[in-house]
Amino acid sequence: MNPRTLERSAVVPATPDAVWAVIGDFGALADWHPHVPPSTLEGDPAVPGTVRVFAVDGEAVARERLLDRDAAARSYRYTLLDPVMLPVHDYVATLAVRPHPDGAEVRWSAAYRSTDDVVPRVESVFGDGTYGTGLAALRARFTSSR
């Protein structure tokens, strides 16, 4: 198992605070991401240790634990508890909003361990399917509201 990284980013035509107001709630991913099912929380969405559980037809498909959340820095980190889709280990992701000359840059990144043959699937499923799709929807949300 080798250490790996994954990252996608997008510039959104809005203030960092406006973007954070939409994405900063650990329990509200499905509110802005079109392909993520609603989640239930085991705990407070602002408190480290909280677990969000995504379910489809009543069956849990993913569980993630909030590691830390820094509202002032507009970021949170979480870990994947049940890698049911892909054989990855020590998966820790960060969702962060930073100022950008054109509004806000949203960066979604992860560090994880896997074998070489898993990397293309992680890039496709998490990088393009989850991160890329979510960032595109976020950009469209703010672009259409102008």
Protein backbone atom coordinates (compact mmCIF):
# COMPACT_ATOMS: atom_id res chain seq x y z
CA MET A 1 0.00 0.00 0.00
CA ASN A 2 1.42 3.33 -1.07
CA PRO A 3 0.43 6.84 0.06
CA ARG A 4 -1.72 8.67 -2.50
CA THR A 5 -3.35 12.04 -2.90
CA LEU A 6 -6.41 13.24 -4.75
CA GLU A 7 -7.52 16.82 -5.39
CA ARG A 8 -10.10 18.79 -7.30
CA SER A 9 -10.80 22.50 -7.08
CA ALA A 10 -13.12 25.08 -8.55
CA VAL A 11 -13.39 28.85 -8.51
CA VAL A 12 -16.85 30.00 -7.50
CA PRO A 13 -18.11 33.54 -8.26
CA ALA A 14 -19.11 34.32 -4.65
CA THR A 15 -17.48 35.41 -1.43
CA PRO A 16 -15.74 32.73 0.59
CA ASP A 17 -18.22 33.31 3.42
CA ALA A 18 -21.20 32.81 1.09
CA VAL A 19 -19.73 29.55 -0.21
CA TRP A 20 -18.89 28.34 3.30
CA ALA A 21 -22.47 29.08 4.38
CA VAL A 22 -23.58 26.49 1.81
CA ILE A 23 -20.91 23.80 2.22
CA GLY A 24 -19.68 24.23 5.80
CA ASP A 25 -22.31 22.05 7.44
CA PHE A 26 -20.93 18.50 7.65
CA GLY A 27 -24.46 17.11 7.68
CA ALA A 28 -25.73 19.01 4.65
CA LEU A 29 -23.67 17.60 1.76
CA ALA A 30 -26.79 16.36 -0.04
CA ASP A 31 -28.23 19.90 0.06
CA TRP A 32 -25.73 21.08 -2.55
CA HIS A 33 -24.31 17.90 -4.11
CA PRO A 34 -26.61 16.40 -6.75
CA HIS A 35 -25.35 12.79 -6.55
CA VAL A 36 -25.02 12.28 -2.82
CA PRO A 37 -27.92 10.72 -0.93
CA PRO A 38 -29.18 12.45 2.20
CA SER A 39 -27.29 11.51 5.34
CA THR A 40 -28.19 11.04 8.96
CA LEU A 41 -25.89 12.22 11.69
CA GLU A 42 -24.70 10.47 14.78
CA GLY A 43 -23.82 13.60 16.75
CA ASP A 44 -23.57 17.35 16.20
CA PRO A 45 -22.42 18.39 12.69
CA ALA A 46 -19.98 20.93 14.15
CA VAL A 47 -18.34 18.60 16.67
CA PRO A 48 -15.40 16.31 15.80
CA GLY A 49 -16.31 12.66 16.15
CA THR A 50 -19.72 13.07 14.54
CA VAL A 51 -20.48 10.37 11.99
CA ARG A 52 -22.58 10.95 8.87
CA VAL A 53 -24.22 7.91 7.38
CA PHE A 54 -25.33 7.82 3.75
CA ALA A 55 -28.05 5.31 2.98
CA VAL A 56 -29.78 4.15 -0.19
CA ASP A 57 -33.07 2.29 0.23
CA GLY A 58 -32.44 2.05 3.96
CA GLU A 59 -29.02 0.43 3.59
CA ALA A 60 -25.90 2.31 4.69
CA VAL A 61 -23.57 2.78 1.73
CA ALA A 62 -20.93 4.97 3.40
CA ARG A 63 -19.98 6.26 6.84
CA GLU A 64 -17.66 9.21 7.46
CA ARG A 65 -16.37 10.68 10.71
CA LEU A 66 -15.70 14.40 11.15
CA LEU A 67 -12.12 14.82 12.33
CA ASP A 68 -12.09 18.59 12.73
CA ARG A 69 -13.97 21.65 11.59
CA ASP A 70 -12.57 25.18 11.55
CA ALA A 71 -15.26 27.72 10.66
CA ALA A 72 -12.78 30.62 10.80
CA ALA A 73 -10.53 28.87 8.26
CA ARG A 74 -13.61 27.63 6.34
CA SER A 75 -12.56 23.97 6.28
CA TYR A 76 -13.32 20.57 7.65
CA ARG A 77 -11.62 17.17 7.53
CA TYR A 78 -13.24 13.77 7.66
CA THR A 79 -12.28 10.14 7.33
CA LEU A 80 -14.01 7.34 5.49
CA LEU A 81 -14.98 4.66 8.00
CA ASP A 82 -16.39 2.00 5.72
CA PRO A 83 -14.64 1.90 2.36
CA VAL A 84 -17.37 -0.26 0.83
CA MET A 85 -16.86 1.01 -2.72
CA LEU A 86 -13.09 0.88 -3.03
CA PRO A 87 -10.26 -0.84 -1.16
CA VAL A 88 -8.59 2.26 0.29
CA HIS A 89 -7.07 2.73 3.73
CA ASP A 90 -6.48 5.75 5.96
CA TYR A 91 -8.66 7.93 3.70
CA VAL A 92 -8.77 11.50 5.06
CA ALA A 93 -10.47 14.21 3.01
CA THR A 94 -10.53 17.98 3.38
CA LEU A 95 -13.11 20.42 2.04
CA ALA A 96 -11.88 24.02 2.20
CA VAL A 97 -12.82 27.47 0.90
CA ARG A 98 -10.18 30.13 0.26
CA PRO A 99 -10.34 33.67 -1.12
CA HIS A 100 -9.66 33.99 -4.84
CA PRO A 101 -9.50 37.10 -7.08
CA ASP A 102 -12.66 35.89 -8.84
CA GLY A 103 -14.54 34.98 -5.64
CA ALA A 104 -13.71 31.80 -3.76
CA GLU A 105 -11.66 28.72 -4.50
CA VAL A 106 -13.13 25.49 -3.16
CA ARG A 107 -10.60 22.71 -2.79
CA TRP A 108 -11.63 19.13 -2.07
CA SER A 109 -8.67 16.86 -1.44
CA ALA A 110 -7.78 13.56 0.16
CA ALA A 111 -4.82 11.51 1.28
CA TYR A 112 -5.13 7.74 1.39
CA ARG A 113 -3.27 4.48 0.95
CA SER A 114 -3.98 1.95 -1.79
CA THR A 115 -2.41 -0.36 -4.31
CA ASP A 116 -1.51 0.98 -7.76
CA ASP A 117 -4.41 -0.75 -9.49
CA VAL A 118 -6.99 1.08 -7.32
CA VAL A 119 -5.80 4.64 -8.12
CA PRO A 120 -7.65 5.01 -11.46
CA ARG A 121 -10.92 3.94 -9.81
CA VAL A 122 -10.40 6.36 -6.91
CA GLU A 123 -9.73 9.17 -9.39
CA SER A 124 -12.89 8.26 -11.28
CA VAL A 125 -15.29 7.52 -8.40
CA PHE A 126 -14.15 10.03 -5.78
CA GLY A 127 -12.18 12.56 -7.86
CA ASP A 128 -14.49 12.98 -10.83
CA GLY A 129 -17.76 11.44 -9.62
CA THR A 130 -17.92 12.91 -6.12
CA TYR A 131 -15.53 15.85 -5.93
CA GLY A 132 -15.76 17.05 -9.54
CA THR A 133 -19.53 16.69 -9.78
CA GLY A 134 -20.08 18.44 -6.46
CA LEU A 135 -17.77 21.32 -7.31
CA ALA A 136 -19.42 21.79 -10.71
CA ALA A 137 -22.85 21.90 -9.06
CA LEU A 138 -21.60 24.40 -6.51
CA ARG A 139 -20.15 26.64 -9.21
CA ALA A 140 -23.41 26.43 -11.18
CA ARG A 141 -25.44 27.25 -8.08
CA PHE A 142 -23.57 30.51 -7.57
CA THR A 143 -23.29 31.35 -11.26
CA SER A 144 -27.04 31.00 -11.80
CA SER A 145 -27.85 33.18 -8.79
CA ARG A 146 -25.97 36.19 -10.18
